[in-house]
Amino acid sequence: MNKAWTFVVLGSLFEVCWVIGLKHSTDFITWAATIAAIVLSFGFLIKATQMSLPVGTAYAVFAGLGTTGTVIAEMVFFNVPFQVAKVVLILVLLAGVIGLKLVTGKSQEQGGES
C-alpha cells in the first residue's frame, strides 16, 4: 500500500471517530474531539488526492471504509444488534472498495488516467 492509500485509511479511521462523536458527544471536550476528528479526517483525504489518487476513487474508498468502520464500532461498542443483512451488505461494500483500489492501482502503473 503506498502512502496515498495510507492517508485514505487514516482519514477513514478518523471518519469513524467523528461520526460516532456526532451521536455521542455531550460536553465541550467530546465536541472538540469530534471537530478535531473531522478536520483530520478530511485533511488526510485531501492529502491523499493531492499526492496521486483520483478524487472520485479516493472518496469512494474513504466513505466505504468509514461506513464499514462505523457499523462495526456501533455493534462492538454500543450494543447495536447484529443483523445478517447489514453484514452482507457491508461485505458487498468492501468488495467494491477493494475493487476500486485494485483497478486504480493497475491504471496508475500503466500510466493511465483514472
PDB file of N, CA and C in Angstrom:
ATOM      1  N   MET A   1       0.863  -1.177   0.000  1.00  0.00           N
ATOM      2  CA  MET A   1       0.000   0.000   0.000  1.00  0.00           C
ATOM      3  C   MET A   1       0.901   1.229   0.000  1.00  0.00           C
ATOM      4  N   ASN A   2       0.657   2.132  -0.947  1.00  0.00           N
ATOM      5  CA  ASN A   2       1.501   3.318  -0.991  1.00  0.00           C
ATOM      6  C   ASN A   2       1.009   4.376  -0.003  1.00  0.00           C
ATOM      7  N   LYS A   3       1.758   5.437   0.103  1.00  0.00           N
ATOM      8  CA  LYS A   3       1.496   6.469   1.104  1.00  0.00           C
ATOM      9  C   LYS A   3       0.125   7.129   0.926  1.00  0.00           C
ATOM     10  N   ALA A   4      -0.296   7.355  -0.296  1.00  0.00           N
ATOM     11  CA  ALA A   4      -1.594   7.996  -0.540  1.00  0.00           C
ATOM     12  C   ALA A   4      -2.731   7.132   0.002  1.00  0.00           C
ATOM     13  N   TRP A   5      -2.660   5.813  -0.229  1.00  0.00           N
ATOM     14  CA  TRP A   5      -3.701   4.924   0.296  1.00  0.00           C
ATOM     15  C   TRP A   5      -3.661   4.873   1.818  1.00  0.00           C
ATOM     16  N   THR A   6      -2.471   4.979   2.399  1.00  0.00           N
ATOM     17  CA  THR A   6      -2.365   5.028   3.860  1.00  0.00           C
ATOM     18  C   THR A   6      -3.107   6.245   4.394  1.00  0.00           C
ATOM     19  N   PHE A   7      -2.993   7.374   3.705  1.00  0.00           N
ATOM     20  CA  PHE A   7      -3.723   8.575   4.126  1.00  0.00           C
ATOM     21  C   PHE A   7      -5.238   8.384   4.019  1.00  0.00           C
ATOM     22  N   VAL A   8      -5.686   7.679   2.997  1.00  0.00           N
ATOM     23  CA  VAL A   8      -7.128   7.410   2.869  1.00  0.00           C
ATOM     24  C   VAL A   8      -7.605   6.557   4.046  1.00  0.00           C
ATOM     25  N   VAL A   9      -6.836   5.532   4.397  1.00  0.00           N
ATOM     26  CA  VAL A   9      -7.213   4.662   5.520  1.00  0.00           C
ATOM     27  C   VAL A   9      -7.217   5.449   6.828  1.00  0.00           C
ATOM     28  N   LEU A  10      -6.197   6.273   7.047  1.00  0.00           N
ATOM     29  CA  LEU A  10      -6.166   7.101   8.262  1.00  0.00           C
ATOM     30  C   LEU A  10      -7.360   8.053   8.307  1.00  0.00           C
ATOM     31  N   GLY A  11      -7.668   8.660   7.178  1.00  0.00           N
ATOM     32  CA  GLY A  11      -8.828   9.539   7.115  1.00  0.00           C
ATOM     33  C   GLY A  11     -10.112   8.800   7.450  1.00  0.00           C
ATOM     34  N   SER A  12     -10.222   7.572   6.981  1.00  0.00           N
ATOM     35  CA  SER A  12     -11.405   6.760   7.263  1.00  0.00           C
ATOM     36  C   SER A  12     -11.516   6.427   8.748  1.00  0.00           C
ATOM     37  N   LEU A  13     -10.390   6.156   9.385  1.00  0.00           N
ATOM     38  CA  LEU A  13     -10.410   5.888  10.828  1.00  0.00           C
ATOM     39  C   LEU A  13     -10.898   7.111  11.601  1.00  0.00           C
ATOM     40  N   PHE A  14     -10.418   8.278  11.214  1.00  0.00           N
ATOM     41  CA  PHE A  14     -10.895   9.496  11.872  1.00  0.00           C
ATOM     42  C   PHE A  14     -12.357   9.779  11.527  1.00  0.00           C
ATOM     43  N   GLU A  15     -12.789   9.342  10.345  1.00  0.00           N
ATOM     44  CA  GLU A  15     -14.204   9.498   9.993  1.00  0.00           C
ATOM     45  C   GLU A  15     -15.080   8.703  10.951  1.00  0.00           C
ATOM     46  N   VAL A  16     -14.671   7.491  11.272  1.00  0.00           N
ATOM     47  CA  VAL A  16     -15.420   6.683  12.235  1.00  0.00           C
ATOM     48  C   VAL A  16     -15.517   7.426  13.568  1.00  0.00           C
ATOM     49  N   CYS A  17     -14.414   8.023  13.989  1.00  0.00           N
ATOM     50  CA  CYS A  17     -14.404   8.771  15.258  1.00  0.00           C
ATOM     51  C   CYS A  17     -15.378   9.938  15.235  1.00  0.00           C
ATOM     52  N   TRP A  18     -15.377  10.724  14.156  1.00  0.00           N
ATOM     53  CA  TRP A  18     -16.249  11.896  14.172  1.00  0.00           C
ATOM     54  C   TRP A  18     -17.709  11.537  13.980  1.00  0.00           C
ATOM     55  N   VAL A  19     -17.994  10.480  13.235  1.00  0.00           N
ATOM     56  CA  VAL A  19     -19.393  10.069  13.085  1.00  0.00           C
ATOM     57  C   VAL A  19     -19.948   9.596  14.427  1.00  0.00           C
ATOM     58  N   ILE A  20     -19.168   8.815  15.152  1.00  0.00           N
ATOM     59  CA  ILE A  20     -19.595   8.381  16.484  1.00  0.00           C
ATOM     60  C   ILE A  20     -19.700   9.585  17.412  1.00  0.00           C
ATOM     61  N   GLY A  21     -18.757  10.520  17.285  1.00  0.00           N
ATOM     62  CA  GLY A  21     -18.793  11.727  18.103  1.00  0.00           C
ATOM     63  C   GLY A  21     -20.039  12.563  17.874  1.00  0.00           C
ATOM     64  N   LEU A  22     -20.517  12.628  16.633  1.00  0.00           N
ATOM     65  CA  LEU A  22     -21.734  13.397  16.361  1.00  0.00           C
ATOM     66  C   LEU A  22     -22.919  12.870  17.155  1.00  0.00           C
ATOM     67  N   LYS A  23     -22.963  11.565  17.346  1.00  0.00           N
ATOM     68  CA  LYS A  23     -24.088  10.964  18.060  1.00  0.00           C
ATOM     69  C   LYS A  23     -23.908  10.988  19.572  1.00  0.00           C
ATOM     70  N   HIS A  24     -22.677  10.849  20.032  1.00  0.00           N
ATOM     71  CA  HIS A  24     -22.458  10.615  21.458  1.00  0.00           C
ATOM     72  C   HIS A  24     -21.786  11.765  22.214  1.00  0.00           C
ATOM     73  N   SER A  25     -21.437  12.847  21.559  1.00  0.00           N
ATOM     74  CA  SER A  25     -20.800  13.966  22.260  1.00  0.00           C
ATOM     75  C   SER A  25     -21.803  14.663  23.169  1.00  0.00           C
ATOM     76  N   THR A  26     -21.326  14.986  24.378  1.00  0.00           N
ATOM     77  CA  THR A  26     -22.221  15.611  25.359  1.00  0.00           C
ATOM     78  C   THR A  26     -21.635  16.855  26.010  1.00  0.00           C
ATOM     79  N   ASP A  27     -20.341  17.056  25.892  1.00  0.00           N
ATOM     80  CA  ASP A  27     -19.733  18.211  26.554  1.00  0.00           C
ATOM     81  C   ASP A  27     -18.692  18.845  25.627  1.00  0.00           C
ATOM     82  N   PHE A  28     -18.066  19.901  26.113  1.00  0.00           N
ATOM     83  CA  PHE A  28     -17.114  20.652  25.299  1.00  0.00           C
ATOM     84  C   PHE A  28     -15.960  19.777  24.806  1.00  0.00           C
ATOM     85  N   ILE A  29     -15.414  18.954  25.686  1.00  0.00           N
ATOM     86  CA  ILE A  29     -14.250  18.131  25.327  1.00  0.00           C
ATOM     87  C   ILE A  29     -14.597  17.140  24.212  1.00  0.00           C
ATOM     88  N   THR A  30     -15.726  16.462  24.339  1.00  0.00           N
ATOM     89  CA  THR A  30     -16.076  15.474  23.315  1.00  0.00           C
ATOM     90  C   THR A  30     -16.449  16.150  21.996  1.00  0.00           C
ATOM     91  N   TRP A  31     -17.073  17.335  22.071  1.00  0.00           N
ATOM     92  CA  TRP A  31     -17.365  18.065  20.834  1.00  0.00           C
ATOM     93  C   TRP A  31     -16.073  18.574  20.192  1.00  0.00           C
ATOM     94  N   ALA A  32     -15.116  19.020  21.006  1.00  0.00           N
ATOM     95  CA  ALA A  32     -13.828  19.474  20.468  1.00  0.00           C
ATOM     96  C   ALA A  32     -13.091  18.309  19.791  1.00  0.00           C
ATOM     97  N   ALA A  33     -13.140  17.134  20.412  1.00  0.00           N
ATOM     98  CA  ALA A  33     -12.507  15.954  19.814  1.00  0.00           C
ATOM     99  C   ALA A  33     -13.194  15.573  18.500  1.00  0.00           C
ATOM    100  N   THR A  34     -14.510  15.716  18.461  1.00  0.00           N
ATOM    101  CA  THR A  34     -15.259  15.416  17.236  1.00  0.00           C
ATOM    102  C   THR A  34     -14.852  16.365  16.110  1.00  0.00           C
ATOM    103  N   ILE A  35     -14.746  17.640  16.428  1.00  0.00           N
ATOM    104  CA  ILE A  35     -14.338  18.634  15.421  1.00  0.00           C
ATOM    105  C   ILE A  35     -12.906  18.367  14.952  1.00  0.00           C
ATOM    106  N   ALA A  36     -12.025  18.017  15.892  1.00  0.00           N
ATOM    107  CA  ALA A  36     -10.645  17.685  15.515  1.00  0.00           C
ATOM    108  C   ALA A  36     -10.616  16.464  14.596  1.00  0.00           C
ATOM    109  N   ALA A  37     -11.459  15.475  14.881  1.00  0.00           N
ATOM    110  CA  ALA A  37     -11.517  14.277  14.037  1.00  0.00           C
ATOM    111  C   ALA A  37     -12.019  14.617  12.633  1.00  0.00           C
ATOM    112  N   ILE A  38     -12.980  15.547  12.536  1.00  0.00           N
ATOM    113  CA  ILE A  38     -13.472  15.977  11.221  1.00  0.00           C
ATOM    114  C   ILE A  38     -12.334  16.613  10.419  1.00  0.00           C
ATOM    115  N   VAL A  39     -11.603  17.509  11.066  1.00  0.00           N
ATOM    116  CA  VAL A  39     -10.502  18.208  10.389  1.00  0.00           C
ATOM    117  C   VAL A  39      -9.429  17.209   9.945  1.00  0.00           C
ATOM    118  N   LEU A  40      -9.045  16.305  10.840  1.00  0.00           N
ATOM    119  CA  LEU A  40      -8.024  15.312  10.490  1.00  0.00           C
ATOM    120  C   LEU A  40      -8.512  14.370   9.388  1.00  0.00           C
ATOM    121  N   SER A  41      -9.756  13.951   9.488  1.00  0.00           N
ATOM    122  CA  SER A  41     -10.324  13.037   8.506  1.00  0.00           C
ATOM    123  C   SER A  41     -10.247  13.612   7.095  1.00  0.00           C
ATOM    124  N   PHE A  42     -10.777  14.816   6.935  1.00  0.00           N
ATOM    125  CA  PHE A  42     -10.762  15.418   5.605  1.00  0.00           C
ATOM    126  C   PHE A  42      -9.364  15.894   5.213  1.00  0.00           C
ATOM    127  N   GLY A  43      -8.534  16.238   6.188  1.00  0.00           N
ATOM    128  CA  GLY A  43      -7.151  16.609   5.894  1.00  0.00           C
ATOM    129  C   GLY A  43      -6.385  15.451   5.270  1.00  0.00           C
ATOM    130  N   PHE A  44      -6.553  14.252   5.836  1.00  0.00           N
ATOM    131  CA  PHE A  44      -5.897  13.070   5.263  1.00  0.00           C
ATOM    132  C   PHE A  44      -6.440  12.759   3.869  1.00  0.00           C
ATOM    133  N   LEU A  45      -7.750  12.899   3.687  1.00  0.00           N
ATOM    134  CA  LEU A  45      -8.335  12.643   2.368  1.00  0.00           C
ATOM    135  C   LEU A  45      -7.800  13.627   1.328  1.00  0.00           C
ATOM    136  N   ILE A  46      -7.749  14.889   1.688  1.00  0.00           N
ATOM    137  CA  ILE A  46      -7.236  15.915   0.771  1.00  0.00           C
ATOM    138  C   ILE A  46      -5.775  15.640   0.423  1.00  0.00           C
ATOM    139  N   LYS A  47      -4.987  15.288   1.432  1.00  0.00           N
ATOM    140  CA  LYS A  47      -3.571  14.990   1.196  1.00  0.00           C
ATOM    141  C   LYS A  47      -3.413  13.812   0.227  1.00  0.00           C
ATOM    142  N   ALA A  48      -4.245  12.789   0.402  1.00  0.00           N
ATOM    143  CA  ALA A  48      -4.170  11.617  -0.480  1.00  0.00           C
ATOM    144  C   ALA A  48      -4.471  11.989  -1.926  1.00  0.00           C
ATOM    145  N   THR A  49      -5.462  12.856  -2.130  1.00  0.00           N
ATOM    146  CA  THR A  49      -5.809  13.237  -3.503  1.00  0.00           C
ATOM    147  C   THR A  49      -4.765  14.172  -4.104  1.00  0.00           C
ATOM    148  N   GLN A  50      -4.100  14.948  -3.277  1.00  0.00           N
ATOM    149  CA  GLN A  50      -3.040  15.818  -3.781  1.00  0.00           C
ATOM    150  C   GLN A  50      -1.812  15.017  -4.194  1.00  0.00           C
ATOM    151  N   MET A  51      -1.621  13.869  -3.563  1.00  0.00           N
ATOM    152  CA  MET A  51      -0.440  13.060  -3.862  1.00  0.00           C
ATOM    153  C   MET A  51      -0.556  12.349  -5.210  1.00  0.00           C
ATOM    154  N   SER A  52      -1.645  11.599  -5.404  1.00  0.00           N
ATOM    155  CA  SER A  52      -1.712  10.843  -6.660  1.00  0.00           C
ATOM    156  C   SER A  52      -3.066  10.222  -6.958  1.00  0.00           C
ATOM    157  N   LEU A  53      -3.921  10.089  -5.985  1.00  0.00           N
ATOM    158  CA  LEU A  53      -5.163   9.344  -6.202  1.00  0.00           C
ATOM    159  C   LEU A  53      -6.241  10.186  -6.869  1.00  0.00           C
ATOM    160  N   PRO A  54      -7.009   9.584  -7.752  1.00  0.00           N
ATOM    161  CA  PRO A  54      -8.161  10.288  -8.320  1.00  0.00           C
ATOM    162  C   PRO A  54      -9.170  10.599  -7.214  1.00  0.00           C
ATOM    163  N   VAL A  55      -9.745  11.769  -7.254  1.00  0.00           N
ATOM    164  CA  VAL A  55     -10.647  12.215  -6.191  1.00  0.00           C
ATOM    165  C   VAL A  55     -11.830  11.268  -6.024  1.00  0.00           C
ATOM    166  N   GLY A  56     -12.460  10.877  -7.114  1.00  0.00           N
ATOM    167  CA  GLY A  56     -13.639  10.016  -7.028  1.00  0.00           C
ATOM    168  C   GLY A  56     -13.339   8.676  -6.384  1.00  0.00           C
ATOM    169  N   THR A  57     -12.243   8.068  -6.779  1.00  0.00           N
ATOM    170  CA  THR A  57     -11.858   6.778  -6.214  1.00  0.00           C
ATOM    171  C   THR A  57     -11.488   6.920  -4.749  1.00  0.00           C
ATOM    172  N   ALA A  58     -10.686   7.930  -4.426  1.00  0.00           N
ATOM    173  CA  ALA A  58     -10.270   8.139  -3.038  1.00  0.00           C
ATOM    174  C   ALA A  58     -11.481   8.372  -2.140  1.00  0.00           C
ATOM    175  N   TYR A  59     -12.432   9.189  -2.603  1.00  0.00           N
ATOM    176  CA  TYR A  59     -13.606   9.474  -1.781  1.00  0.00           C
ATOM    177  C   TYR A  59     -14.488   8.237  -1.619  1.00  0.00           C
ATOM    178  N   ALA A  60     -14.636   7.444  -2.671  1.00  0.00           N
ATOM    179  CA  ALA A  60     -15.446   6.229  -2.574  1.00  0.00           C
ATOM    180  C   ALA A  60     -14.849   5.252  -1.563  1.00  0.00           C
ATOM    181  N   VAL A  61     -13.539   5.077  -1.599  1.00  0.00           N
ATOM    182  CA  VAL A  61     -12.874   4.193  -0.644  1.00  0.00           C
ATOM    183  C   VAL A  61     -12.978   4.766   0.766  1.00  0.00           C
ATOM    184  N   PHE A  62     -12.741   6.059   0.904  1.00  0.00           N
ATOM    185  CA  PHE A  62     -12.845   6.761   2.190  1.00  0.00           C
ATOM    186  C   PHE A  62     -14.233   6.559   2.799  1.00  0.00           C
ATOM    187  N   ALA A  63     -15.266   6.801   2.024  1.00  0.00           N
ATOM    188  CA  ALA A  63     -16.643   6.676   2.521  1.00  0.00           C
ATOM    189  C   ALA A  63     -16.991   5.218   2.822  1.00  0.00           C
ATOM    190  N   GLY A  64     -16.550   4.308   1.971  1.00  0.00           N
ATOM    191  CA  GLY A  64     -16.835   2.892   2.196  1.00  0.00           C
ATOM    192  C   GLY A  64     -16.184   2.355   3.454  1.00  0.00           C
ATOM    193  N   LEU A  65     -14.913   2.681   3.644  1.00  0.00           N
ATOM    194  CA  LEU A  65     -14.224   2.236   4.857  1.00  0.00           C
ATOM    195  C   LEU A  65     -14.798   2.903   6.100  1.00  0.00           C
ATOM    196  N   GLY A  66     -15.132   4.179   5.985  1.00  0.00           N
ATOM    197  CA  GLY A  66     -15.729   4.884   7.117  1.00  0.00           C
ATOM    198  C   GLY A  66     -17.076   4.308   7.506  1.00  0.00           C
ATOM    199  N   THR A  67     -17.892   3.997   6.516  1.00  0.00           N
ATOM    200  CA  THR A  67     -19.200   3.394   6.778  1.00  0.00           C
ATOM    201  C   THR A  67     -19.044   2.029   7.432  1.00  0.00           C
ATOM    202  N   THR A  68     -18.154   1.226   6.891  1.00  0.00           N
ATOM    203  CA  THR A  68     -17.908  -0.099   7.453  1.00  0.00           C
ATOM    204  C   THR A  68     -17.415   0.001   8.889  1.00  0.00           C
ATOM    205  N   GLY A  69     -16.458   0.871   9.121  1.00  0.00           N
ATOM    206  CA  GLY A  69     -15.921   1.048  10.468  1.00  0.00           C
ATOM    207  C   GLY A  69     -16.963   1.537  11.454  1.00  0.00           C
ATOM    208  N   THR A  70     -17.830   2.433  11.006  1.00  0.00           N
ATOM    209  CA  THR A  70     -18.872   2.958  11.882  1.00  0.00           C
ATOM    210  C   THR A  70     -19.861   1.865  12.268  1.00  0.00           C
ATOM    211  N   VAL A  71     -20.276   1.065  11.311  1.00  0.00           N
ATOM    212  CA  VAL A  71     -21.219  -0.024  11.602  1.00  0.00           C
ATOM    213  C   VAL A  71     -20.595  -1.030  12.561  1.00  0.00           C
ATOM    214  N   ILE A  72     -19.343  -1.391  12.326  1.00  0.00           N
ATOM    215  CA  ILE A  72     -18.663  -2.342  13.212  1.00  0.00           C
ATOM    216  C   ILE A  72     -18.498  -1.751  14.609  1.00  0.00           C
ATOM    217  N   ALA A  73     -18.093  -0.484  14.698  1.00  0.00           N
ATOM    218  CA  ALA A  73     -17.920   0.163  16.004  1.00  0.00           C
ATOM    219  C   ALA A  73     -19.240   0.220  16.770  1.00  0.00           C
ATOM    220  N   GLU A  74     -20.338   0.502  16.078  1.00  0.00           N
ATOM    221  CA  GLU A  74     -21.637   0.526  16.754  1.00  0.00           C
ATOM    222  C   GLU A  74     -21.986  -0.849  17.310  1.00  0.00           C
ATOM    223  N   MET A  75     -21.712  -1.896  16.551  1.00  0.00           N
ATOM    224  CA  MET A  75     -22.007  -3.250  17.028  1.00  0.00           C
ATOM    225  C   MET A  75     -21.136  -3.628  18.223  1.00  0.00           C
ATOM    226  N   VAL A  76     -19.861  -3.270  18.156  1.00  0.00           N
ATOM    227  CA  VAL A  76     -18.914  -3.681  19.195  1.00  0.00           C
ATOM    228  C   VAL A  76     -19.034  -2.825  20.458  1.00  0.00           C
ATOM    229  N   PHE A  77     -19.092  -1.504  20.298  1.00  0.00           N
ATOM    230  CA  PHE A  77     -19.020  -0.617  21.454  1.00  0.00           C
ATOM    231  C   PHE A  77     -20.363  -0.115  21.965  1.00  0.00           C
ATOM    232  N   PHE A  78     -21.385  -0.121  21.131  1.00  0.00           N
ATOM    233  CA  PHE A  78     -22.659   0.481  21.528  1.00  0.00           C
ATOM    234  C   PHE A  78     -23.824  -0.497  21.468  1.00  0.00           C
ATOM    235  N   ASN A  79     -23.510  -1.779  21.422  1.00  0.00           N
ATOM    236  CA  ASN A  79     -24.517  -2.842  21.501  1.00  0.00           C
ATOM    237  C   ASN A  79     -25.638  -2.729  20.476  1.00  0.00           C
ATOM    238  N   VAL A  80     -25.315  -2.254  19.290  1.00  0.00           N
ATOM    239  CA  VAL A  80     -26.295  -2.261  18.205  1.00  0.00           C
ATOM    240  C   VAL A  80     -26.443  -3.720  17.774  1.00  0.00           C
ATOM    241  N   PRO A  81     -27.674  -4.191  17.622  1.00  0.00           N
ATOM    242  CA  PRO A  81     -27.878  -5.610  17.305  1.00  0.00           C
ATOM    243  C   PRO A  81     -27.228  -6.024  15.981  1.00  0.00           C
ATOM    244  N   PHE A  82     -26.688  -7.222  15.983  1.00  0.00           N
ATOM    245  CA  PHE A  82     -26.095  -7.828  14.786  1.00  0.00           C
ATOM    246  C   PHE A  82     -27.220  -8.212  13.832  1.00  0.00           C
ATOM    247  N   GLN A  83     -27.100  -7.792  12.578  1.00  0.00           N
ATOM    248  CA  GLN A  83     -28.078  -8.167  11.564  1.00  0.00           C
ATOM    249  C   GLN A  83     -27.333  -8.762  10.375  1.00  0.00           C
ATOM    250  N   VAL A  84     -27.729  -9.956   9.994  1.00  0.00           N
ATOM    251  CA  VAL A  84     -27.056 -10.654   8.897  1.00  0.00           C
ATOM    252  C   VAL A  84     -27.110  -9.826   7.614  1.00  0.00           C
ATOM    253  N   ALA A  85     -28.264  -9.263   7.311  1.00  0.00           N
ATOM    254  CA  ALA A  85     -28.403  -8.473   6.078  1.00  0.00           C
ATOM    255  C   ALA A  85     -27.435  -7.295   6.069  1.00  0.00           C
ATOM    256  N   LYS A  86     -27.288  -6.637   7.213  1.00  0.00           N
ATOM    257  CA  LYS A  86     -26.380  -5.492   7.303  1.00  0.00           C
ATOM    258  C   LYS A  86     -24.937  -5.931   7.050  1.00  0.00           C
ATOM    259  N   VAL A  87     -24.545  -7.050   7.625  1.00  0.00           N
ATOM    260  CA  VAL A  87     -23.180  -7.547   7.451  1.00  0.00           C
ATOM    261  C   VAL A  87     -22.941  -7.966   5.997  1.00  0.00           C
ATOM    262  N   VAL A  88     -23.913  -8.606   5.374  1.00  0.00           N
ATOM    263  CA  VAL A  88     -23.774  -8.999   3.966  1.00  0.00           C
ATOM    264  C   VAL A  88     -23.598  -7.759   3.092  1.00  0.00           C
ATOM    265  N   LEU A  89     -24.387  -6.730   3.346  1.00  0.00           N
ATOM    266  CA  LEU A  89     -24.271  -5.504   2.553  1.00  0.00           C
ATOM    267  C   LEU A  89     -22.940  -4.793   2.798  1.00  0.00           C
ATOM    268  N   ILE A  90     -22.441  -4.835   4.018  1.00  0.00           N
ATOM    269  CA  ILE A  90     -21.119  -4.267   4.313  1.00  0.00           C
ATOM    270  C   ILE A  90     -20.047  -5.033   3.536  1.00  0.00           C
ATOM    271  N   LEU A  91     -20.171  -6.352   3.458  1.00  0.00           N
ATOM    272  CA  LEU A  91     -19.205  -7.146   2.688  1.00  0.00           C
ATOM    273  C   LEU A  91     -19.253  -6.796   1.202  1.00  0.00           C
ATOM    274  N   VAL A  92     -20.445  -6.549   0.679  1.00  0.00           N
ATOM    275  CA  VAL A  92     -20.574  -6.113  -0.719  1.00  0.00           C
ATOM    276  C   VAL A  92     -19.890  -4.758  -0.904  1.00  0.00           C
ATOM    277  N   LEU A  93     -20.113  -3.851   0.054  1.00  0.00           N
ATOM    278  CA  LEU A  93     -19.475  -2.536   0.010  1.00  0.00           C
ATOM    279  C   LEU A  93     -17.953  -2.678   0.021  1.00  0.00           C
ATOM    280  N   LEU A  94     -17.435  -3.522   0.905  1.00  0.00           N
ATOM    281  CA  LEU A  94     -15.987  -3.733   0.972  1.00  0.00           C
ATOM    282  C   LEU A  94     -15.441  -4.345  -0.321  1.00  0.00           C
ATOM    283  N   ALA A  95     -16.199  -5.233  -0.937  1.00  0.00           N
ATOM    284  CA  ALA A  95     -15.765  -5.808  -2.219  1.00  0.00           C
ATOM    285  C   ALA A  95     -15.624  -4.708  -3.266  1.00  0.00           C
ATOM    286  N   GLY A  96     -16.552  -3.769  -3.278  1.00  0.00           N
ATOM    287  CA  GLY A  96     -16.459  -2.638  -4.202  1.00  0.00           C
ATOM    288  C   GLY A  96     -15.262  -1.758  -3.913  1.00  0.00           C
ATOM    289  N   VAL A  97     -15.000  -1.514  -2.628  1.00  0.00           N
ATOM    290  CA  VAL A  97     -13.851  -0.692  -2.227  1.00  0.00           C
ATOM    291  C   VAL A  97     -12.550  -1.364  -2.660  1.00  0.00           C
ATOM    292  N   ILE A  98     -12.441  -2.657  -2.410  1.00  0.00           N
ATOM    293  CA  ILE A  98     -11.235  -3.390  -2.806  1.00  0.00           C
ATOM    294  C   ILE A  98     -11.080  -3.373  -4.328  1.00  0.00           C
ATOM    295  N   GLY A  99     -12.183  -3.547  -5.038  1.00  0.00           N
ATOM    296  CA  GLY A  99     -12.141  -3.488  -6.498  1.00  0.00           C
ATOM    297  C   GLY A  99     -11.655  -2.145  -7.005  1.00  0.00           C
ATOM    298  N   LEU A 100     -12.154  -1.059  -6.414  1.00  0.00           N
ATOM    299  CA  LEU A 100     -11.702   0.279  -6.815  1.00  0.00           C
ATOM    300  C   LEU A 100     -10.207   0.449  -6.579  1.00  0.00           C
ATOM    301  N   LYS A 101      -9.732  -0.031  -5.439  1.00  0.00           N
ATOM    302  CA  LYS A 101      -8.309   0.097  -5.146  1.00  0.00           C
ATOM    303  C   LYS A 101      -7.477  -0.697  -6.156  1.00  0.00           C
ATOM    304  N   LEU A 102      -7.911  -1.903  -6.458  1.00  0.00           N
ATOM    305  CA  LEU A 102      -7.161  -2.725  -7.411  1.00  0.00           C
ATOM    306  C   LEU A 102      -7.153  -2.117  -8.807  1.00  0.00           C
ATOM    307  N   VAL A 103      -8.284  -1.648  -9.257  1.00  0.00           N
ATOM    308  CA  VAL A 103      -8.374  -1.042 -10.590  1.00  0.00           C
ATOM    309  C   VAL A 103      -7.559   0.237 -10.660  1.00  0.00           C
ATOM    310  N   THR A 104      -7.618   1.052  -9.613  1.00  0.00           N
ATOM    311  CA  THR A 104      -6.859   2.299  -9.593  1.00  0.00           C
ATOM    312  C   THR A 104      -5.366   2.015  -9.592  1.00  0.00           C
ATOM    313  N   GLY A 105      -4.927   1.012  -8.834  1.00  0.00           N
ATOM    314  CA  GLY A 105      -3.516   0.666  -8.792  1.00  0.00           C
ATOM    315  C   GLY A 105      -2.994   0.240 -10.148  1.00  0.00           C
ATOM    316  N   LYS A 106      -3.747  -0.590 -10.868  1.00  0.00           N
ATOM    317  CA  LYS A 106      -3.325  -1.050 -12.198  1.00  0.00           C
ATOM    318  C   LYS A 106      -3.303   0.095 -13.191  1.00  0.00           C
ATOM    319  N   SER A 107      -4.288   0.960 -13.115  1.00  0.00           N
ATOM    320  CA  SER A 107      -4.366   2.093 -14.036  1.00  0.00           C
ATOM    321  C   SER A 107      -3.178   3.031 -13.840  1.00  0.00           C
ATOM    322  N   GLN A 108      -2.800   3.269 -12.582  1.00  0.00           N
ATOM    323  CA  GLN A 108      -1.677   4.169 -12.310  1.00  0.00           C
ATOM    324  C   GLN A 108      -0.359   3.553 -12.755  1.00  0.00           C
ATOM    325  N   GLU A 109      -0.208   2.226 -12.587  1.00  0.00           N
ATOM    326  CA  GLU A 109       1.020   1.565 -13.015  1.00  0.00           C
ATOM    327  C   GLU A 109       1.198   1.645 -14.529  1.00  0.00           C
ATOM    328  N   GLN A 110       0.082   1.600 -15.263  1.00  0.00           N
ATOM    329  CA  GLN A 110       0.138   1.647 -16.719  1.00  0.00           C
ATOM    330  C   GLN A 110       0.213   3.071 -17.238  1.00  0.00           C
ATOM    331  N   GLY A 111       0.131   4.039 -16.329  1.00  0.00           N
ATOM    332  CA  GLY A 111       0.230   5.430 -16.726  1.00  0.00           C
ATOM    333  C   GLY A 111      -1.068   6.009 -17.230  1.00  0.00           C
ATOM    334  N   GLY A 112      -2.163   5.304 -17.009  1.00  0.00           N
ATOM    335  CA  GLY A 112      -3.465   5.773 -17.477  1.00  0.00           C
ATOM    336  C   GLY A 112      -4.123   6.709 -16.496  1.00  0.00           C
ATOM    337  N   GLU A 113      -5.104   7.407 -16.996  1.00  0.00           N
ATOM    338  CA  GLU A 113      -5.906   8.287 -16.154  1.00  0.00           C
ATOM    339  C   GLU A 113      -7.030   7.478 -15.547  1.00  0.00           C
ATOM    340  N   SER A 114      -7.367   7.765 -14.269  1.00  0.00           N
ATOM    341  CA  SER A 114      -8.481   7.068 -13.623  1.00  0.00           C
ATOM    342  C   SER A 114      -9.619   7.994 -13.397  1.00  0.00           C
TER     343      SER A 114
END
